Amino acid sequence: MLTAIVLVHTAADRIPEVAQQIADIPGVTEVYSCAGDVDLIALLRVREHEQIAEIVTEHISKVPGVQRTGTHIAFRSYSSLDADSGFEIGAS
């Protein structure tokens, strides 16, 4: 699986609606509203690079209220949650 992080700039008065519309797009697994330089962060998980291009250009960028996007493709995943969960297996 490929993971992409899409930074979404949107009209401030449309953040909840835009977030929900993006969350409803197949391939989008999570959408976060956040403080800082971007309004929303969407996580995509797909099988092929072409799907990332399609989701971002054909779907996310066409949601009313989206002003611009920036896409980052993940190479590797690192998580303390993954390591911690290994110690919980069989624990009682």
C-alpha atoms as a PDB file:
ATOM      1  CA  MET A   1       0.000   0.000   0.000  1.00  0.00           C
ATOM      2  CA  LEU A   2       1.113   3.539  -0.763  1.00  0.00           C
ATOM      3  CA  THR A   3       0.435   6.350   1.668  1.00  0.00           C
ATOM      4  CA  ALA A   4       0.094  10.005   0.680  1.00  0.00           C
ATOM      5  CA  ILE A   5      -0.385  12.996   2.931  1.00  0.00           C
ATOM      6  CA  VAL A   6      -2.379  15.780   1.299  1.00  0.00           C
ATOM      7  CA  LEU A   7      -2.233  19.264   2.813  1.00  0.00           C
ATOM      8  CA  VAL A   8      -5.425  21.116   1.980  1.00  0.00           C
ATOM      9  CA  HIS A   9      -5.995  24.875   2.115  1.00  0.00           C
ATOM     10  CA  THR A  10      -9.670  25.737   2.165  1.00  0.00           C
ATOM     11  CA  ALA A  11     -12.059  28.594   2.802  1.00  0.00           C
ATOM     12  CA  ALA A  12     -12.256  29.001   6.592  1.00  0.00           C
ATOM     13  CA  ASP A  13     -16.051  28.994   6.640  1.00  0.00           C
ATOM     14  CA  ARG A  14     -16.185  25.684   4.730  1.00  0.00           C
ATOM     15  CA  ILE A  15     -13.747  23.543   6.725  1.00  0.00           C
ATOM     16  CA  PRO A  16     -16.274  21.059   8.232  1.00  0.00           C
ATOM     17  CA  GLU A  17     -18.124  20.513   4.938  1.00  0.00           C
ATOM     18  CA  VAL A  18     -14.922  20.221   2.909  1.00  0.00           C
ATOM     19  CA  ALA A  19     -13.430  17.795   5.442  1.00  0.00           C
ATOM     20  CA  GLN A  20     -16.477  15.531   5.276  1.00  0.00           C
ATOM     21  CA  GLN A  21     -16.617  15.591   1.473  1.00  0.00           C
ATOM     22  CA  ILE A  22     -12.927  14.665   1.294  1.00  0.00           C
ATOM     23  CA  ALA A  23     -13.392  11.917   3.913  1.00  0.00           C
ATOM     24  CA  ASP A  24     -16.121  10.386   1.734  1.00  0.00           C
ATOM     25  CA  ILE A  25     -13.762   9.967  -1.250  1.00  0.00           C
ATOM     26  CA  PRO A  26     -12.656   6.342  -1.775  1.00  0.00           C
ATOM     27  CA  GLY A  27      -8.964   5.973  -0.940  1.00  0.00           C
ATOM     28  CA  VAL A  28      -9.055   8.700   1.715  1.00  0.00           C
ATOM     29  CA  THR A  29      -8.676   7.007   5.101  1.00  0.00           C
ATOM     30  CA  GLU A  30      -8.587   9.997   7.441  1.00  0.00           C
ATOM     31  CA  VAL A  31      -9.029  13.760   7.394  1.00  0.00           C
ATOM     32  CA  TYR A  32      -7.816  16.034  10.188  1.00  0.00           C
ATOM     33  CA  SER A  33      -8.641  19.689  10.738  1.00  0.00           C
ATOM     34  CA  CYS A  34      -5.645  21.445  12.229  1.00  0.00           C
ATOM     35  CA  ALA A  35      -4.112  24.680  13.343  1.00  0.00           C
ATOM     36  CA  GLY A  36      -1.139  26.105  11.528  1.00  0.00           C
ATOM     37  CA  ASP A  37      -0.268  26.637   7.897  1.00  0.00           C
ATOM     38  CA  VAL A  38      -2.892  24.251   6.498  1.00  0.00           C
ATOM     39  CA  ASP A  39      -6.566  23.780   7.245  1.00  0.00           C
ATOM     40  CA  LEU A  40      -6.913  20.041   6.626  1.00  0.00           C
ATOM     41  CA  ILE A  41      -4.632  17.036   6.316  1.00  0.00           C
ATOM     42  CA  ALA A  42      -5.951  14.040   4.395  1.00  0.00           C
ATOM     43  CA  LEU A  43      -4.344  10.605   4.466  1.00  0.00           C
ATOM     44  CA  LEU A  44      -4.650   8.461   1.372  1.00  0.00           C
ATOM     45  CA  ARG A  45      -3.890   4.739   1.199  1.00  0.00           C
ATOM     46  CA  VAL A  46      -3.931   3.215  -2.268  1.00  0.00           C
ATOM     47  CA  ARG A  47      -2.272   0.454  -4.280  1.00  0.00           C
ATOM     48  CA  GLU A  48      -0.866   2.494  -7.195  1.00  0.00           C
ATOM     49  CA  HIS A  49       0.679   5.935  -7.694  1.00  0.00           C
ATOM     50  CA  GLU A  50      -1.860   6.713 -10.406  1.00  0.00           C
ATOM     51  CA  GLN A  51      -4.624   6.483  -7.811  1.00  0.00           C
ATOM     52  CA  ILE A  52      -2.982   9.251  -5.782  1.00  0.00           C
ATOM     53  CA  ALA A  53      -2.936  11.505  -8.822  1.00  0.00           C
ATOM     54  CA  GLU A  54      -6.566  10.709  -9.601  1.00  0.00           C
ATOM     55  CA  ILE A  55      -7.829  11.250  -6.053  1.00  0.00           C
ATOM     56  CA  VAL A  56      -6.002  14.563  -5.639  1.00  0.00           C
ATOM     57  CA  THR A  57      -6.609  16.089  -9.073  1.00  0.00           C
ATOM     58  CA  GLU A  58      -9.996  14.625  -9.950  1.00  0.00           C
ATOM     59  CA  HIS A  59     -11.653  14.598  -6.537  1.00  0.00           C
ATOM     60  CA  ILE A  60     -10.025  16.564  -3.693  1.00  0.00           C
ATOM     61  CA  SER A  61      -9.108  19.616  -5.761  1.00  0.00           C
ATOM     62  CA  LYS A  62     -12.654  19.773  -7.154  1.00  0.00           C
ATOM     63  CA  VAL A  63     -14.400  19.857  -3.776  1.00  0.00           C
ATOM     64  CA  PRO A  64     -16.064  23.283  -3.441  1.00  0.00           C
ATOM     65  CA  GLY A  65     -14.056  25.398  -1.009  1.00  0.00           C
ATOM     66  CA  VAL A  66     -10.666  23.771  -1.673  1.00  0.00           C
ATOM     67  CA  GLN A  67      -8.225  26.507  -2.616  1.00  0.00           C
ATOM     68  CA  ARG A  68      -5.030  24.492  -3.112  1.00  0.00           C
ATOM     69  CA  THR A  69      -3.362  21.241  -2.121  1.00  0.00           C
ATOM     70  CA  GLY A  70       0.141  19.931  -1.524  1.00  0.00           C
ATOM     71  CA  THR A  71       0.817  16.214  -1.750  1.00  0.00           C
ATOM     72  CA  HIS A  72       3.571  14.272   0.008  1.00  0.00           C
ATOM     73  CA  ILE A  73       4.147  10.583  -0.756  1.00  0.00           C
ATOM     74  CA  ALA A  74       5.429   8.539   2.186  1.00  0.00           C
ATOM     75  CA  PHE A  75       8.433   6.238   1.720  1.00  0.00           C
ATOM     76  CA  ARG A  76       8.417   4.464   5.089  1.00  0.00           C
ATOM     77  CA  SER A  77       6.283   4.411   8.200  1.00  0.00           C
ATOM     78  CA  TYR A  78       7.724   4.710  11.701  1.00  0.00           C
ATOM     79  CA  SER A  79       5.520   4.465  14.747  1.00  0.00           C
ATOM     80  CA  SER A  80       5.988   3.884  18.454  1.00  0.00           C
ATOM     81  CA  LEU A  81       2.453   2.475  18.438  1.00  0.00           C
ATOM     82  CA  ASP A  82       3.579  -0.418  16.228  1.00  0.00           C
ATOM     83  CA  ALA A  83       6.470  -1.245  18.569  1.00  0.00           C
ATOM     84  CA  ASP A  84       4.349  -0.877  21.703  1.00  0.00           C
ATOM     85  CA  SER A  85       1.596  -3.145  20.385  1.00  0.00           C
ATOM     86  CA  GLY A  86       4.103  -5.966  19.946  1.00  0.00           C
ATOM     87  CA  PHE A  87       4.664  -6.009  23.704  1.00  0.00           C
ATOM     88  CA  GLU A  88       0.923  -6.266  24.364  1.00  0.00           C
ATOM     89  CA  ILE A  89       0.432  -9.543  22.518  1.00  0.00           C
ATOM     90  CA  GLY A  90      -0.426 -12.253  24.995  1.00  0.00           C
ATOM     91  CA  ALA A  91      -0.224  -9.907  27.951  1.00  0.00           C
ATOM     92  CA  SER A  92      -2.822 -10.464  30.620  1.00  0.00           C
END
